[in-house]
Amino acid sequence: MPKLSISEAAYLLGVSTDTLRRWEKEGKITSTRTEGGHRRYDLTDILKDKEDEGLTILYARVRSRPQIKDLDRQIAVLETYAEIKGWKNCKTIKDIGSGVNYRKKGLNKLLSILVEGQATRLVLTTKDRLLRFGSELVFSICELYGVEVVILNKDPDSSSEEELVKDVLEIITVFSAKLHSMRSRQNVKSLQENLNKLAQIEE
């Protein structure tokens, strides 16, 4: 049976060579070594692993409903990429909400799938589609459960940059409201103290 190099095996499985090395270390796949110490993989084992591959999660997000066309575009890109890679067992999860909102329905569903060990791969168009701040924490969960993260575009697009501005403004608004509330309470307390002092003087 033909033997494949690590790059050939990784291409056939649709994963990186680092992922393949990690799988071998975890005992998920085996290889033989050439006299020069290079890995060689059995084609039969590779095809079997390809048939038995786990779930691939395709995650897409936009900030608001007026961006629904962009959401459809993201999903189309993700599904086309998965088809090209030959990933048959795919699940698309979509969200509409701010990148600083950690309570989105789709995101919570994604996290549940990850911690239950059901997924082997997470695919995003860009890193910030997941979360604006804190995506590294989700990536750490993926690493813990052996889930490969695939990011199609390493650089944020113009729409992502526009969302960043809106998300930062949202954070500023929230903190400004909290600060205003704190100052209001302080003002009420100060007023009450002054009234008490005035009452004592009058007595």
N, C-alpha and C. Protein backbone atom coordinates (compact mmCIF):
# COMPACT_ATOMS: atom_id res chain seq x y z
N MET A 1 0.85 -1.19 0.00
CA MET A 1 0.00 0.00 0.00
C MET A 1 0.89 1.25 0.00
N PRO A 2 0.55 2.28 -0.80
CA PRO A 2 1.40 3.48 -0.90
C PRO A 2 1.59 4.16 0.45
N LYS A 3 2.79 4.69 0.62
CA LYS A 3 3.12 5.43 1.83
C LYS A 3 3.16 6.93 1.50
N LEU A 4 2.64 7.73 2.40
CA LEU A 4 2.55 9.18 2.17
C LEU A 4 3.49 9.92 3.11
N SER A 5 4.04 11.01 2.61
CA SER A 5 4.84 11.89 3.48
C SER A 5 3.88 12.64 4.40
N ILE A 6 4.42 13.35 5.40
CA ILE A 6 3.56 14.07 6.34
C ILE A 6 2.79 15.18 5.64
N SER A 7 3.41 15.85 4.67
CA SER A 7 2.71 16.93 3.97
C SER A 7 1.59 16.36 3.08
N GLU A 8 1.82 15.22 2.45
CA GLU A 8 0.80 14.58 1.62
C GLU A 8 -0.37 14.10 2.47
N ALA A 9 -0.05 13.50 3.61
CA ALA A 9 -1.11 13.01 4.50
C ALA A 9 -1.92 14.16 5.08
N ALA A 10 -1.24 15.25 5.45
CA ALA A 10 -1.92 16.41 6.01
C ALA A 10 -2.86 17.03 4.96
N TYR A 11 -2.39 17.12 3.73
CA TYR A 11 -3.21 17.68 2.65
C TYR A 11 -4.46 16.83 2.42
N LEU A 12 -4.27 15.51 2.43
CA LEU A 12 -5.38 14.60 2.18
C LEU A 12 -6.43 14.68 3.28
N LEU A 13 -5.97 14.86 4.52
CA LEU A 13 -6.89 14.95 5.65
C LEU A 13 -7.44 16.35 5.85
N GLY A 14 -6.81 17.33 5.19
CA GLY A 14 -7.27 18.70 5.33
C GLY A 14 -6.87 19.34 6.64
N VAL A 15 -5.72 18.95 7.19
CA VAL A 15 -5.22 19.52 8.44
C VAL A 15 -3.79 19.99 8.23
N SER A 16 -3.23 20.66 9.24
CA SER A 16 -1.84 21.09 9.16
C SER A 16 -0.91 19.96 9.57
N THR A 17 0.36 20.07 9.21
CA THR A 17 1.32 19.05 9.61
C THR A 17 1.50 19.03 11.12
N ASP A 18 1.37 20.19 11.77
CA ASP A 18 1.46 20.24 13.23
C ASP A 18 0.33 19.46 13.88
N THR A 19 -0.87 19.57 13.29
CA THR A 19 -2.01 18.81 13.81
C THR A 19 -1.77 17.32 13.66
N LEU A 20 -1.20 16.93 12.53
CA LEU A 20 -0.92 15.52 12.29
C LEU A 20 0.10 14.98 13.30
N ARG A 21 1.12 15.78 13.59
CA ARG A 21 2.11 15.37 14.61
C ARG A 21 1.46 15.23 15.98
N ARG A 22 0.54 16.17 16.30
CA ARG A 22 -0.14 16.11 17.58
C ARG A 22 -1.03 14.87 17.66
N TRP A 23 -1.74 14.57 16.58
CA TRP A 23 -2.58 13.37 16.56
C TRP A 23 -1.76 12.11 16.77
N GLU A 24 -0.59 12.10 16.16
CA GLU A 24 0.28 10.92 16.32
C GLU A 24 0.75 10.79 17.76
N LYS A 25 1.08 11.93 18.37
CA LYS A 25 1.51 11.93 19.77
C LYS A 25 0.40 11.46 20.69
N GLU A 26 -0.86 11.79 20.33
CA GLU A 26 -2.01 11.39 21.14
C GLU A 26 -2.49 9.98 20.81
N GLY A 27 -1.84 9.35 19.82
CA GLY A 27 -2.21 7.98 19.47
C GLY A 27 -3.40 7.86 18.54
N LYS A 28 -3.82 8.98 17.93
CA LYS A 28 -4.96 8.95 17.03
C LYS A 28 -4.58 8.42 15.65
N ILE A 29 -3.29 8.47 15.32
CA ILE A 29 -2.81 8.02 14.02
C ILE A 29 -1.38 7.51 14.19
N THR A 30 -0.98 6.60 13.34
CA THR A 30 0.37 6.03 13.44
C THR A 30 1.15 6.26 12.15
N SER A 31 2.46 6.15 12.27
CA SER A 31 3.33 6.30 11.10
C SER A 31 4.55 5.41 11.27
N THR A 32 5.23 5.20 10.17
CA THR A 32 6.52 4.51 10.20
C THR A 32 7.59 5.54 9.87
N ARG A 33 8.83 5.17 10.05
CA ARG A 33 9.93 6.10 9.77
C ARG A 33 10.85 5.52 8.70
N THR A 34 11.34 6.40 7.84
CA THR A 34 12.32 5.99 6.84
C THR A 34 13.69 5.91 7.51
N GLU A 35 14.67 5.44 6.79
CA GLU A 35 16.03 5.38 7.34
C GLU A 35 16.53 6.77 7.72
N GLY A 36 16.03 7.78 7.04
CA GLY A 36 16.43 9.15 7.35
C GLY A 36 15.60 9.78 8.46
N GLY A 37 14.65 9.03 9.03
CA GLY A 37 13.83 9.52 10.14
C GLY A 37 12.59 10.27 9.74
N HIS A 38 12.22 10.22 8.46
CA HIS A 38 11.03 10.93 8.00
C HIS A 38 9.78 10.08 8.20
N ARG A 39 8.68 10.72 8.56
CA ARG A 39 7.42 10.02 8.78
C ARG A 39 6.82 9.56 7.46
N ARG A 40 6.21 8.37 7.51
CA ARG A 40 5.47 7.84 6.38
C ARG A 40 4.15 7.27 6.89
N TYR A 41 3.06 7.64 6.20
CA TYR A 41 1.73 7.23 6.63
C TYR A 41 1.11 6.28 5.61
N ASP A 42 0.40 5.28 6.13
CA ASP A 42 -0.25 4.29 5.27
C ASP A 42 -1.51 4.91 4.66
N LEU A 43 -1.67 4.81 3.35
CA LEU A 43 -2.81 5.42 2.66
C LEU A 43 -4.13 4.85 3.18
N THR A 44 -4.17 3.55 3.49
CA THR A 44 -5.40 2.93 3.98
C THR A 44 -5.83 3.55 5.31
N ASP A 45 -4.86 3.77 6.21
CA ASP A 45 -5.17 4.39 7.50
C ASP A 45 -5.66 5.83 7.32
N ILE A 46 -5.04 6.55 6.38
CA ILE A 46 -5.42 7.94 6.14
C ILE A 46 -6.85 8.02 5.62
N LEU A 47 -7.19 7.15 4.67
CA LEU A 47 -8.54 7.16 4.10
C LEU A 47 -9.57 6.77 5.16
N LYS A 48 -9.21 5.85 6.03
CA LYS A 48 -10.12 5.44 7.11
C LYS A 48 -10.35 6.60 8.06
N ASP A 49 -9.26 7.31 8.41
CA ASP A 49 -9.40 8.45 9.31
C ASP A 49 -10.23 9.55 8.67
N LYS A 50 -10.10 9.67 7.34
CA LYS A 50 -10.86 10.71 6.64
C LYS A 50 -12.36 10.39 6.68
N GLU A 51 -12.69 9.09 6.57
CA GLU A 51 -14.10 8.67 6.62
C GLU A 51 -14.67 8.85 8.02
N ASP A 52 -13.82 8.64 9.04
CA ASP A 52 -14.28 8.69 10.43
C ASP A 52 -14.06 10.05 11.08
N GLU A 53 -13.73 11.08 10.30
CA GLU A 53 -13.40 12.38 10.89
C GLU A 53 -14.59 12.94 11.66
N GLY A 54 -14.28 13.71 12.69
CA GLY A 54 -15.32 14.26 13.54
C GLY A 54 -16.00 15.47 12.92
N LEU A 55 -16.65 16.21 13.77
CA LEU A 55 -17.46 17.34 13.32
C LEU A 55 -16.63 18.59 13.04
N THR A 56 -16.89 19.23 11.92
CA THR A 56 -16.28 20.52 11.59
C THR A 56 -17.32 21.61 11.82
N ILE A 57 -16.97 22.58 12.69
CA ILE A 57 -17.87 23.69 12.98
C ILE A 57 -17.51 24.89 12.10
N LEU A 58 -18.48 25.40 11.37
CA LEU A 58 -18.32 26.60 10.56
C LEU A 58 -19.06 27.72 11.28
N TYR A 59 -18.31 28.71 11.79
CA TYR A 59 -18.93 29.76 12.61
C TYR A 59 -18.87 31.11 11.89
N ALA A 60 -20.03 31.76 11.81
CA ALA A 60 -20.14 33.07 11.16
C ALA A 60 -20.90 34.02 12.07
N ARG A 61 -20.51 35.30 12.01
CA ARG A 61 -21.18 36.31 12.85
C ARG A 61 -21.18 37.68 12.18
N VAL A 62 -22.28 38.41 12.38
CA VAL A 62 -22.32 39.83 12.04
C VAL A 62 -22.87 40.57 13.25
N ARG A 63 -22.69 41.88 13.26
CA ARG A 63 -23.05 42.67 14.44
C ARG A 63 -24.55 42.93 14.55
N SER A 64 -25.22 43.14 13.40
CA SER A 64 -26.63 43.51 13.43
C SER A 64 -27.37 42.97 12.20
N ARG A 65 -28.68 42.99 12.27
CA ARG A 65 -29.50 42.42 11.19
C ARG A 65 -29.34 43.10 9.83
N PRO A 66 -29.08 44.41 9.78
CA PRO A 66 -28.85 45.03 8.46
C PRO A 66 -27.65 44.42 7.72
N GLN A 67 -26.78 43.67 8.44
CA GLN A 67 -25.61 43.05 7.82
C GLN A 67 -25.87 41.59 7.41
N ILE A 68 -27.14 41.22 7.30
CA ILE A 68 -27.50 39.83 7.03
C ILE A 68 -26.89 39.31 5.73
N LYS A 69 -26.71 40.19 4.75
CA LYS A 69 -26.10 39.77 3.49
C LYS A 69 -24.65 39.36 3.70
N ASP A 70 -23.97 40.07 4.58
CA ASP A 70 -22.58 39.72 4.90
C ASP A 70 -22.53 38.39 5.63
N LEU A 71 -23.54 38.12 6.45
CA LEU A 71 -23.61 36.83 7.14
C LEU A 71 -23.76 35.70 6.14
N ASP A 72 -24.63 35.90 5.16
CA ASP A 72 -24.82 34.90 4.10
C ASP A 72 -23.53 34.69 3.31
N ARG A 73 -22.81 35.80 3.08
CA ARG A 73 -21.54 35.70 2.34
C ARG A 73 -20.52 34.88 3.12
N GLN A 74 -20.42 35.14 4.43
CA GLN A 74 -19.50 34.38 5.26
C GLN A 74 -19.82 32.89 5.22
N ILE A 75 -21.10 32.57 5.36
CA ILE A 75 -21.52 31.16 5.37
C ILE A 75 -21.18 30.50 4.03
N ALA A 76 -21.41 31.21 2.94
CA ALA A 76 -21.11 30.66 1.61
C ALA A 76 -19.62 30.38 1.46
N VAL A 77 -18.78 31.31 1.94
CA VAL A 77 -17.33 31.13 1.87
C VAL A 77 -16.90 29.91 2.70
N LEU A 78 -17.42 29.81 3.92
CA LEU A 78 -17.06 28.70 4.81
C LEU A 78 -17.48 27.36 4.24
N GLU A 79 -18.71 27.29 3.74
CA GLU A 79 -19.22 26.03 3.21
C GLU A 79 -18.50 25.62 1.92
N THR A 80 -18.15 26.60 1.10
CA THR A 80 -17.40 26.30 -0.12
C THR A 80 -16.01 25.78 0.22
N TYR A 81 -15.36 26.41 1.20
CA TYR A 81 -14.03 25.97 1.64
C TYR A 81 -14.08 24.55 2.18
N ALA A 82 -15.10 24.26 2.99
CA ALA A 82 -15.24 22.92 3.55
C ALA A 82 -15.47 21.87 2.45
N GLU A 83 -16.24 22.25 1.44
CA GLU A 83 -16.48 21.34 0.31
C GLU A 83 -15.20 21.06 -0.46
N ILE A 84 -14.39 22.10 -0.68
CA ILE A 84 -13.12 21.93 -1.38
C ILE A 84 -12.19 21.01 -0.59
N LYS A 85 -12.20 21.15 0.74
CA LYS A 85 -11.35 20.33 1.60
C LYS A 85 -11.88 18.90 1.77
N GLY A 86 -13.11 18.69 1.35
CA GLY A 86 -13.68 17.35 1.47
C GLY A 86 -14.20 17.02 2.85
N TRP A 87 -14.50 18.07 3.65
CA TRP A 87 -15.04 17.84 5.00
C TRP A 87 -16.55 17.63 4.87
N LYS A 88 -16.98 16.41 5.09
CA LYS A 88 -18.39 16.06 4.88
C LYS A 88 -19.26 16.35 6.10
N ASN A 89 -18.71 16.08 7.29
CA ASN A 89 -19.50 16.23 8.52
C ASN A 89 -19.33 17.65 9.07
N CYS A 90 -20.18 18.56 8.59
CA CYS A 90 -20.05 19.98 8.95
C CYS A 90 -21.33 20.50 9.60
N LYS A 91 -21.17 21.44 10.51
CA LYS A 91 -22.30 22.10 11.14
C LYS A 91 -22.05 23.61 11.11
N THR A 92 -23.00 24.35 10.56
CA THR A 92 -22.87 25.80 10.48
C THR A 92 -23.58 26.46 11.66
N ILE A 93 -22.86 27.30 12.37
CA ILE A 93 -23.43 28.06 13.49
C ILE A 93 -23.30 29.54 13.15
N LYS A 94 -24.39 30.28 13.27
CA LYS A 94 -24.36 31.71 12.93
C LYS A 94 -24.89 32.54 14.09
N ASP A 95 -24.37 33.74 14.21
CA ASP A 95 -24.75 34.66 15.27
C ASP A 95 -24.99 36.05 14.71
N ILE A 96 -25.91 36.76 15.35
CA ILE A 96 -26.11 38.18 15.07
C ILE A 96 -25.97 38.89 16.41
N GLY A 97 -24.90 39.65 16.56
CA GLY A 97 -24.67 40.32 17.83
C GLY A 97 -23.28 40.92 17.89
N SER A 98 -23.09 41.79 18.86
CA SER A 98 -21.82 42.49 19.03
C SER A 98 -20.68 41.53 19.32
N GLY A 99 -19.49 41.92 18.90
CA GLY A 99 -18.30 41.12 19.17
C GLY A 99 -17.88 41.14 20.62
N VAL A 100 -18.48 42.03 21.43
CA VAL A 100 -18.17 42.07 22.85
C VAL A 100 -19.28 41.42 23.69
N ASN A 101 -20.26 40.84 23.01
CA ASN A 101 -21.35 40.14 23.70
C ASN A 101 -20.98 38.66 23.85
N TYR A 102 -20.80 38.21 25.10
CA TYR A 102 -20.41 36.83 25.36
C TYR A 102 -21.61 35.90 25.55
N ARG A 103 -22.80 36.43 25.42
CA ARG A 103 -24.01 35.63 25.69
C ARG A 103 -24.78 35.30 24.42
N LYS A 104 -24.16 35.41 23.30
CA LYS A 104 -24.84 35.11 22.04
C LYS A 104 -25.20 33.62 21.99
N LYS A 105 -26.37 33.33 21.44
CA LYS A 105 -26.88 31.96 21.40
C LYS A 105 -25.94 31.03 20.63
N GLY A 106 -25.48 31.48 19.47
CA GLY A 106 -24.60 30.64 18.66
C GLY A 106 -23.26 30.37 19.33
N LEU A 107 -22.70 31.40 19.97
CA LEU A 107 -21.42 31.25 20.67
C LEU A 107 -21.54 30.24 21.80
N ASN A 108 -22.62 30.32 22.58
CA ASN A 108 -22.83 29.38 23.67
C ASN A 108 -23.00 27.96 23.15
N LYS A 109 -23.67 27.83 22.01
CA LYS A 109 -23.84 26.52 21.39
C LYS A 109 -22.49 25.95 20.95
N LEU A 110 -21.66 26.82 20.38
CA LEU A 110 -20.32 26.43 19.95
C LEU A 110 -19.50 25.94 21.14
N LEU A 111 -19.51 26.70 22.24
CA LEU A 111 -18.75 26.33 23.43
C LEU A 111 -19.21 24.99 24.00
N SER A 112 -20.51 24.75 23.97
CA SER A 112 -21.04 23.48 24.46
C SER A 112 -20.52 22.31 23.63
N ILE A 113 -20.50 22.47 22.32
CA ILE A 113 -20.00 21.42 21.44
C ILE A 113 -18.52 21.16 21.69
N LEU A 114 -17.76 22.24 21.92
CA LEU A 114 -16.32 22.10 22.15
C LEU A 114 -16.04 21.32 23.43
N VAL A 115 -16.68 21.72 24.53
CA VAL A 115 -16.38 21.09 25.82
C VAL A 115 -16.95 19.68 25.91
N GLU A 116 -17.91 19.35 25.07
CA GLU A 116 -18.44 17.99 25.03
C GLU A 116 -17.58 17.07 24.16
N GLY A 117 -16.55 17.66 23.54
CA GLY A 117 -15.63 16.85 22.74
C GLY A 117 -16.21 16.34 21.44
N GLN A 118 -17.20 17.05 20.89
CA GLN A 118 -17.85 16.58 19.67
C GLN A 118 -17.16 17.06 18.39
N ALA A 119 -16.36 18.12 18.49
CA ALA A 119 -15.78 18.73 17.29
C ALA A 119 -14.30 18.39 17.12
N THR A 120 -13.86 18.38 15.90
CA THR A 120 -12.44 18.20 15.60
C THR A 120 -11.85 19.43 14.91
N ARG A 121 -12.74 20.35 14.47
CA ARG A 121 -12.25 21.49 13.70
C ARG A 121 -13.21 22.67 13.82
N LEU A 122 -12.65 23.88 13.95
CA LEU A 122 -13.44 25.11 13.96
C LEU A 122 -12.91 26.01 12.85
N VAL A 123 -13.81 26.46 11.97
CA VAL A 123 -13.41 27.25 10.82
C VAL A 123 -14.08 28.62 10.88
N LEU A 124 -13.26 29.69 10.73
CA LEU A 124 -13.74 31.07 10.76
C LEU A 124 -13.23 31.80 9.52
N THR A 125 -13.97 32.81 9.09
CA THR A 125 -13.45 33.63 7.97
C THR A 125 -12.33 34.54 8.48
N THR A 126 -12.55 35.18 9.64
CA THR A 126 -11.52 35.99 10.30
C THR A 126 -11.60 35.73 11.80
N LYS A 127 -10.50 36.01 12.49
CA LYS A 127 -10.40 35.75 13.93
C LYS A 127 -11.49 36.48 14.73
N ASP A 128 -11.77 37.74 14.37
CA ASP A 128 -12.70 38.52 15.17
C ASP A 128 -14.16 38.20 14.88
N ARG A 129 -14.43 37.26 13.99
CA ARG A 129 -15.81 36.80 13.82
C ARG A 129 -16.27 36.08 15.09
N LEU A 130 -15.32 35.50 15.81
CA LEU A 130 -15.65 34.75 17.01
C LEU A 130 -16.00 35.71 18.15
N LEU A 131 -15.02 36.51 18.56
CA LEU A 131 -15.20 37.53 19.59
C LEU A 131 -14.26 38.68 19.29
N ARG A 132 -14.67 39.87 19.67
CA ARG A 132 -13.79 41.02 19.47
C ARG A 132 -12.64 40.98 20.47
N PHE A 133 -12.97 40.67 21.72
CA PHE A 133 -11.96 40.53 22.77
C PHE A 133 -12.21 39.19 23.47
N GLY A 134 -11.16 38.40 23.64
CA GLY A 134 -11.31 37.14 24.35
C GLY A 134 -11.33 35.91 23.47
N SER A 135 -11.11 36.08 22.17
CA SER A 135 -11.12 34.92 21.27
C SER A 135 -10.00 33.93 21.63
N GLU A 136 -8.89 34.45 22.18
CA GLU A 136 -7.77 33.57 22.55
C GLU A 136 -8.20 32.55 23.59
N LEU A 137 -9.14 32.94 24.46
CA LEU A 137 -9.63 32.01 25.47
C LEU A 137 -10.35 30.84 24.81
N VAL A 138 -11.16 31.13 23.79
CA VAL A 138 -11.86 30.08 23.06
C VAL A 138 -10.86 29.19 22.32
N PHE A 139 -9.82 29.81 21.75
CA PHE A 139 -8.79 29.04 21.06
C PHE A 139 -8.06 28.12 22.04
N SER A 140 -7.89 28.58 23.28
CA SER A 140 -7.24 27.73 24.30
C SER A 140 -8.12 26.53 24.62
N ILE A 141 -9.43 26.73 24.63
CA ILE A 141 -10.37 25.62 24.85
C ILE A 141 -10.25 24.63 23.70
N CYS A 142 -10.14 25.16 22.48
CA CYS A 142 -9.98 24.29 21.31
C CYS A 142 -8.70 23.45 21.43
N GLU A 143 -7.62 24.08 21.83
CA GLU A 143 -6.36 23.38 21.99
C GLU A 143 -6.46 22.31 23.06
N LEU A 144 -7.16 22.63 24.15
CA LEU A 144 -7.33 21.67 25.25
C LEU A 144 -8.06 20.42 24.81
N TYR A 145 -9.05 20.60 23.92
CA TYR A 145 -9.86 19.47 23.47
C TYR A 145 -9.41 18.93 22.11
N GLY A 146 -8.26 19.37 21.65
CA GLY A 146 -7.71 18.84 20.40
C GLY A 146 -8.47 19.27 19.16
N VAL A 147 -9.06 20.45 19.20
CA VAL A 147 -9.83 20.97 18.06
C VAL A 147 -8.95 21.90 17.23
N GLU A 148 -8.83 21.61 15.97
CA GLU A 148 -8.04 22.45 15.07
C GLU A 148 -8.80 23.73 14.74
N VAL A 149 -8.11 24.87 14.76
CA VAL A 149 -8.72 26.15 14.40
C VAL A 149 -8.19 26.58 13.03
N VAL A 150 -9.10 26.80 12.11
CA VAL A 150 -8.74 27.24 10.76
C VAL A 150 -9.31 28.64 10.53
N ILE A 151 -8.43 29.61 10.27
CA ILE A 151 -8.85 30.99 9.99
C ILE A 151 -8.50 31.30 8.54
N LEU A 152 -9.50 31.52 7.72
CA LEU A 152 -9.29 31.67 6.28
C LEU A 152 -8.55 32.96 5.93
N ASN A 153 -8.87 34.04 6.61
CA ASN A 153 -8.25 35.34 6.32
C ASN A 153 -7.63 35.88 7.60
N LYS A 154 -6.32 35.98 7.65
CA LYS A 154 -5.63 36.44 8.86
C LYS A 154 -5.82 37.93 9.11
N ASP A 155 -6.11 38.69 8.06
CA ASP A 155 -6.27 40.14 8.21
C ASP A 155 -7.74 40.50 8.24
N PRO A 156 -8.16 41.37 9.18
CA PRO A 156 -9.57 41.78 9.24
C PRO A 156 -9.95 42.59 8.00
N ASP A 157 -11.20 42.42 7.56
CA ASP A 157 -11.66 43.19 6.40
C ASP A 157 -12.21 44.54 6.87
N SER A 158 -12.63 45.35 5.92
CA SER A 158 -13.09 46.70 6.25
C SER A 158 -14.32 46.67 7.15
N SER A 159 -15.22 45.71 6.93
CA SER A 159 -16.43 45.64 7.75
C SER A 159 -16.06 45.29 9.19
N SER A 160 -15.01 44.49 9.38
CA SER A 160 -14.56 44.14 10.72
C SER A 160 -14.01 45.36 11.43
N GLU A 161 -13.28 46.20 10.70
CA GLU A 161 -12.73 47.42 11.28
C GLU A 161 -13.85 48.38 11.69
N GLU A 162 -14.90 48.45 10.89
CA GLU A 162 -16.04 49.30 11.22
C GLU A 162 -16.72 48.79 12.48
N GLU A 163 -16.84 47.45 12.60
CA GLU A 163 -17.44 46.86 13.78
C GLU A 163 -16.61 47.16 15.02
N LEU A 164 -15.29 47.16 14.86
CA LEU A 164 -14.40 47.43 16.00
C LEU A 164 -14.69 48.81 16.58
N VAL A 165 -14.87 49.79 15.71
CA VAL A 165 -15.17 51.14 16.16
C VAL A 165 -16.48 51.15 16.94
N LYS A 166 -17.49 50.47 16.43
CA LYS A 166 -18.79 50.43 17.10
C LYS A 166 -18.70 49.70 18.44
N ASP A 167 -17.93 48.61 18.48
CA ASP A 167 -17.78 47.87 19.72
C ASP A 167 -17.06 48.68 20.78
N VAL A 168 -16.02 49.41 20.37
CA VAL A 168 -15.30 50.26 21.32
C VAL A 168 -16.22 51.36 21.86
N LEU A 169 -17.02 51.95 20.97
CA LEU A 169 -17.98 52.97 21.39
C LEU A 169 -19.00 52.39 22.37
N GLU A 170 -19.38 51.14 22.12
CA GLU A 170 -20.34 50.46 23.01
C GLU A 170 -19.74 50.29 24.40
N ILE A 171 -18.47 49.89 24.46
CA ILE A 171 -17.78 49.73 25.75
C ILE A 171 -17.70 51.06 26.48
N ILE A 172 -17.33 52.12 25.75
CA ILE A 172 -17.23 53.45 26.35
C ILE A 172 -18.57 53.90 26.90
N THR A 173 -19.64 53.63 26.13
CA THR A 173 -20.99 54.02 26.56
C THR A 173 -21.39 53.32 27.85
N VAL A 174 -21.10 52.01 27.92
CA VAL A 174 -21.45 51.23 29.12
C VAL A 174 -20.71 51.76 30.34
N PHE A 175 -19.40 51.97 30.20
CA PHE A 175 -18.60 52.45 31.33
C PHE A 175 -18.99 53.89 31.71
N SER A 176 -19.33 54.70 30.73
CA SER A 176 -19.76 56.07 31.02
C SER A 176 -21.06 56.05 31.83
N ALA A 177 -21.97 55.16 31.45
CA ALA A 177 -23.24 55.04 32.17
C ALA A 177 -23.01 54.59 33.61
N LYS A 178 -22.09 53.63 33.78
CA LYS A 178 -21.79 53.15 35.13
C LYS A 178 -21.15 54.26 35.97
N LEU A 179 -20.23 55.01 35.34
CA LEU A 179 -19.57 56.10 36.04
C LEU A 179 -20.57 57.18 36.44
N HIS A 180 -21.49 57.48 35.53
CA HIS A 180 -22.52 58.48 35.81
C HIS A 180 -23.40 58.02 36.97
N SER A 181 -23.74 56.72 36.98
CA SER A 181 -24.55 56.16 38.05
C SER A 181 -23.84 56.24 39.39
N MET A 182 -22.53 55.95 39.38
CA MET A 182 -21.74 56.03 40.61
C MET A 182 -21.71 57.46 41.13
N ARG A 183 -21.52 58.41 40.22
CA ARG A 183 -21.45 59.82 40.62
C ARG A 183 -22.81 60.29 41.15
N SER A 184 -23.88 59.78 40.52
CA SER A 184 -25.22 60.15 40.97
C SER A 184 -25.45 59.68 42.40
N ARG A 185 -25.04 58.44 42.68
CA ARG A 185 -25.20 57.91 44.03
C ARG A 185 -24.36 58.72 45.03
N GLN A 186 -23.15 59.09 44.59
CA GLN A 186 -22.29 59.89 45.47
C GLN A 186 -22.91 61.26 45.75
N ASN A 187 -23.53 61.85 44.72
CA ASN A 187 -24.17 63.15 44.89
C ASN A 187 -25.35 63.07 45.86
N VAL A 188 -26.14 61.99 45.71
CA VAL A 188 -27.28 61.80 46.61
C VAL A 188 -26.79 61.63 48.04
N LYS A 189 -25.73 60.84 48.21
CA LYS A 189 -25.17 60.61 49.55
C LYS A 189 -24.66 61.93 50.14
N SER A 190 -23.96 62.72 49.32
CA SER A 190 -23.44 64.00 49.78
C SER A 190 -24.56 64.94 50.17
N LEU A 191 -25.64 64.96 49.37
CA LEU A 191 -26.79 65.80 49.66
C LEU A 191 -27.44 65.39 50.97
N GLN A 192 -27.57 64.08 51.19
CA GLN A 192 -28.18 63.57 52.41
C GLN A 192 -27.34 63.96 53.64
N GLU A 193 -26.01 63.87 53.49
CA GLU A 193 -25.12 64.23 54.60
C GLU A 193 -25.25 65.72 54.94
N ASN A 194 -25.34 66.54 53.90
CA ASN A 194 -25.51 67.98 54.12
C ASN A 194 -26.84 68.31 54.80
N LEU A 195 -27.90 67.60 54.41
CA LEU A 195 -29.21 67.80 55.02
C LEU A 195 -29.19 67.40 56.49
N ASN A 196 -28.47 66.30 56.76
CA ASN A 196 -28.37 65.84 58.15
C ASN A 196 -27.63 66.87 59.01
N LYS A 197 -26.55 67.43 58.45
CA LYS A 197 -25.79 68.43 59.18
C LYS A 197 -26.63 69.67 59.43
N LEU A 198 -27.42 70.05 58.41
CA LEU A 198 -28.27 71.21 58.53
C LEU A 198 -29.32 70.99 59.62
N ALA A 199 -29.86 69.79 59.68
CA ALA A 199 -30.86 69.45 60.69
C ALA A 199 -30.27 69.52 62.08
N GLN A 200 -29.02 69.07 62.22
CA GLN A 200 -28.35 69.10 63.52
C GLN A 200 -28.11 70.54 63.97
N ILE A 201 -27.76 71.42 63.04
CA ILE A 201 -27.52 72.82 63.36
C ILE A 201 -28.81 73.49 63.83
N GLU A 202 -29.90 73.17 63.14
CA GLU A 202 -31.18 73.77 63.49
C GLU A 202 -31.66 73.32 64.86
N GLU A 203 -31.26 72.10 65.24
CA GLU A 203 -31.64 71.60 66.56
C GLU A 203 -30.89 72.36 67.63
